Amino acid sequence: DYNFCLRITKVEDIEKGFQLANTFKDGPTLLEFIIPTELNVLPMVPAGKSLSDMLLKDKK
């Protein structure tokens, strides 16, 4: 269980999210970053694949 959870949906909220998580001292924290699906953020695990199939660099 996480005692502090925060969903980040905008770039301008990232710093504030980290600051809030760093000040919370009563247990673990979870920051969830929502990004557009068309962005290829690496490393990435393709849908339906295992961690051993992780993509570490762009194929381009």
N, C-alpha and C. Protein backbone atom coordinates (compact mmCIF):
# COMPACT_ATOMS: atom_id res chain seq x y z
N ASP A 1 0.83 -1.19 0.00
CA ASP A 1 0.00 0.00 0.00
C ASP A 1 0.87 1.25 0.00
N TYR A 2 0.38 2.26 -0.69
CA TYR A 2 1.06 3.54 -0.73
C TYR A 2 0.25 4.55 0.07
N ASN A 3 0.93 5.32 0.88
CA ASN A 3 0.27 6.33 1.69
C ASN A 3 0.13 7.65 0.95
N PHE A 4 0.85 7.82 -0.13
CA PHE A 4 0.80 9.05 -0.91
C PHE A 4 0.86 8.69 -2.38
N CYS A 5 -0.18 9.03 -3.13
CA CYS A 5 -0.22 8.77 -4.57
C CYS A 5 -0.57 10.06 -5.29
N LEU A 6 0.07 10.28 -6.42
CA LEU A 6 -0.19 11.49 -7.19
C LEU A 6 -0.06 11.16 -8.67
N ARG A 7 -1.04 11.58 -9.44
CA ARG A 7 -1.01 11.39 -10.90
C ARG A 7 -0.54 12.69 -11.54
N ILE A 8 0.51 12.59 -12.35
CA ILE A 8 1.07 13.74 -13.06
C ILE A 8 0.61 13.65 -14.51
N THR A 9 -0.12 14.68 -14.97
CA THR A 9 -0.62 14.67 -16.35
C THR A 9 -0.04 15.79 -17.20
N LYS A 10 0.61 16.76 -16.56
CA LYS A 10 1.17 17.90 -17.29
C LYS A 10 2.64 18.08 -16.93
N VAL A 11 3.44 18.45 -17.91
CA VAL A 11 4.88 18.65 -17.70
C VAL A 11 5.13 19.66 -16.59
N GLU A 12 4.33 20.70 -16.54
CA GLU A 12 4.56 21.75 -15.53
C GLU A 12 4.27 21.28 -14.10
N ASP A 13 3.67 20.11 -13.92
CA ASP A 13 3.38 19.58 -12.58
C ASP A 13 4.45 18.60 -12.08
N ILE A 14 5.43 18.28 -12.90
CA ILE A 14 6.44 17.28 -12.52
C ILE A 14 7.23 17.72 -11.30
N GLU A 15 7.78 18.91 -11.33
CA GLU A 15 8.61 19.40 -10.21
C GLU A 15 7.81 19.43 -8.91
N LYS A 16 6.58 19.94 -8.97
CA LYS A 16 5.74 19.99 -7.77
C LYS A 16 5.46 18.58 -7.24
N GLY A 17 5.24 17.63 -8.14
CA GLY A 17 5.00 16.26 -7.73
C GLY A 17 6.19 15.66 -6.99
N PHE A 18 7.40 15.89 -7.52
CA PHE A 18 8.60 15.41 -6.84
C PHE A 18 8.78 16.08 -5.48
N GLN A 19 8.51 17.37 -5.41
CA GLN A 19 8.64 18.08 -4.14
C GLN A 19 7.67 17.54 -3.11
N LEU A 20 6.43 17.32 -3.49
CA LEU A 20 5.44 16.76 -2.56
C LEU A 20 5.84 15.36 -2.10
N ALA A 21 6.28 14.52 -3.03
CA ALA A 21 6.68 13.16 -2.67
C ALA A 21 7.88 13.17 -1.73
N ASN A 22 8.82 14.07 -1.95
CA ASN A 22 10.01 14.14 -1.09
C ASN A 22 9.71 14.65 0.30
N THR A 23 8.65 15.41 0.47
CA THR A 23 8.31 15.93 1.80
C THR A 23 7.44 14.95 2.59
N PHE A 24 6.87 13.95 1.93
CA PHE A 24 6.02 12.98 2.61
C PHE A 24 6.91 11.94 3.30
N LYS A 25 6.82 11.86 4.62
CA LYS A 25 7.73 10.98 5.39
C LYS A 25 7.02 9.82 6.09
N ASP A 26 5.70 9.66 5.86
CA ASP A 26 4.94 8.65 6.59
C ASP A 26 4.82 7.31 5.86
N GLY A 27 5.65 7.07 4.86
CA GLY A 27 5.59 5.79 4.16
C GLY A 27 5.94 5.97 2.70
N PRO A 28 5.78 4.90 1.92
CA PRO A 28 6.14 4.95 0.51
C PRO A 28 5.22 5.88 -0.28
N THR A 29 5.74 6.37 -1.39
CA THR A 29 4.96 7.23 -2.27
C THR A 29 4.94 6.64 -3.68
N LEU A 30 3.94 7.04 -4.44
CA LEU A 30 3.82 6.60 -5.82
C LEU A 30 3.47 7.80 -6.68
N LEU A 31 4.28 8.07 -7.69
CA LEU A 31 3.97 9.10 -8.68
C LEU A 31 3.66 8.38 -9.98
N GLU A 32 2.50 8.65 -10.55
CA GLU A 32 2.10 8.06 -11.82
C GLU A 32 2.18 9.14 -12.89
N PHE A 33 2.96 8.90 -13.92
CA PHE A 33 3.14 9.87 -15.00
C PHE A 33 2.33 9.43 -16.21
N ILE A 34 1.37 10.24 -16.60
CA ILE A 34 0.53 9.96 -17.76
C ILE A 34 1.14 10.68 -18.96
N ILE A 35 1.49 9.91 -19.97
CA ILE A 35 2.12 10.49 -21.16
C ILE A 35 1.31 10.09 -22.40
N PRO A 36 1.40 10.89 -23.46
CA PRO A 36 0.68 10.53 -24.69
C PRO A 36 1.17 9.18 -25.23
N THR A 37 0.24 8.38 -25.71
CA THR A 37 0.59 7.04 -26.18
C THR A 37 1.49 7.06 -27.41
N GLU A 38 1.49 8.16 -28.16
CA GLU A 38 2.34 8.21 -29.35
C GLU A 38 3.80 8.48 -29.04
N LEU A 39 4.12 8.83 -27.79
CA LEU A 39 5.52 9.03 -27.41
C LEU A 39 6.17 7.69 -27.10
N ASN A 40 7.35 7.49 -27.59
CA ASN A 40 8.11 6.27 -27.29
C ASN A 40 9.11 6.59 -26.19
N VAL A 41 8.69 6.39 -24.97
CA VAL A 41 9.54 6.64 -23.82
C VAL A 41 10.30 5.36 -23.49
N LEU A 42 11.60 5.47 -23.41
CA LEU A 42 12.44 4.30 -23.18
C LEU A 42 13.08 4.35 -21.81
N PRO A 43 13.30 3.22 -21.16
CA PRO A 43 12.97 1.87 -21.62
C PRO A 43 11.46 1.64 -21.63
N MET A 44 11.02 0.73 -22.49
CA MET A 44 9.60 0.44 -22.66
C MET A 44 9.41 -1.06 -22.80
N VAL A 45 8.36 -1.58 -22.18
CA VAL A 45 7.98 -2.98 -22.34
C VAL A 45 6.77 -2.99 -23.28
N PRO A 46 6.89 -3.57 -24.46
CA PRO A 46 5.76 -3.61 -25.39
C PRO A 46 4.56 -4.34 -24.78
N ALA A 47 3.37 -3.93 -25.18
CA ALA A 47 2.14 -4.55 -24.68
C ALA A 47 2.16 -6.05 -24.91
N GLY A 48 1.83 -6.80 -23.88
CA GLY A 48 1.77 -8.25 -23.97
C GLY A 48 3.11 -8.96 -23.88
N LYS A 49 4.18 -8.21 -23.69
CA LYS A 49 5.52 -8.80 -23.60
C LYS A 49 5.99 -8.84 -22.15
N SER A 50 7.09 -9.55 -21.91
CA SER A 50 7.65 -9.65 -20.57
C SER A 50 8.79 -8.64 -20.41
N LEU A 51 9.28 -8.50 -19.19
CA LEU A 51 10.38 -7.57 -18.93
C LEU A 51 11.64 -7.95 -19.71
N SER A 52 11.79 -9.22 -20.03
CA SER A 52 12.97 -9.63 -20.80
C SER A 52 12.90 -9.14 -22.25
N ASP A 53 11.74 -8.66 -22.70
CA ASP A 53 11.57 -8.11 -24.04
C ASP A 53 11.62 -6.58 -24.05
N MET A 54 12.13 -5.98 -22.99
CA MET A 54 12.18 -4.54 -22.84
C MET A 54 12.99 -3.90 -23.97
N LEU A 55 12.47 -2.79 -24.50
CA LEU A 55 13.19 -2.02 -25.52
C LEU A 55 14.03 -0.97 -24.81
N LEU A 56 15.33 -0.99 -25.05
CA LEU A 56 16.24 -0.06 -24.38
C LEU A 56 16.67 1.10 -25.26
N LYS A 57 16.53 0.95 -26.58
CA LYS A 57 16.87 2.06 -27.47
C LYS A 57 15.97 2.01 -28.69
N ASP A 58 15.83 3.16 -29.33
CA ASP A 58 14.98 3.28 -30.51
C ASP A 58 15.61 2.51 -31.67
N LYS A 59 14.80 1.86 -32.47
CA LYS A 59 15.31 1.07 -33.59
C LYS A 59 15.76 1.93 -34.77
N LYS A 60 15.47 3.23 -34.74
CA LYS A 60 15.84 4.14 -35.84
C LYS A 60 17.32 4.37 -35.91
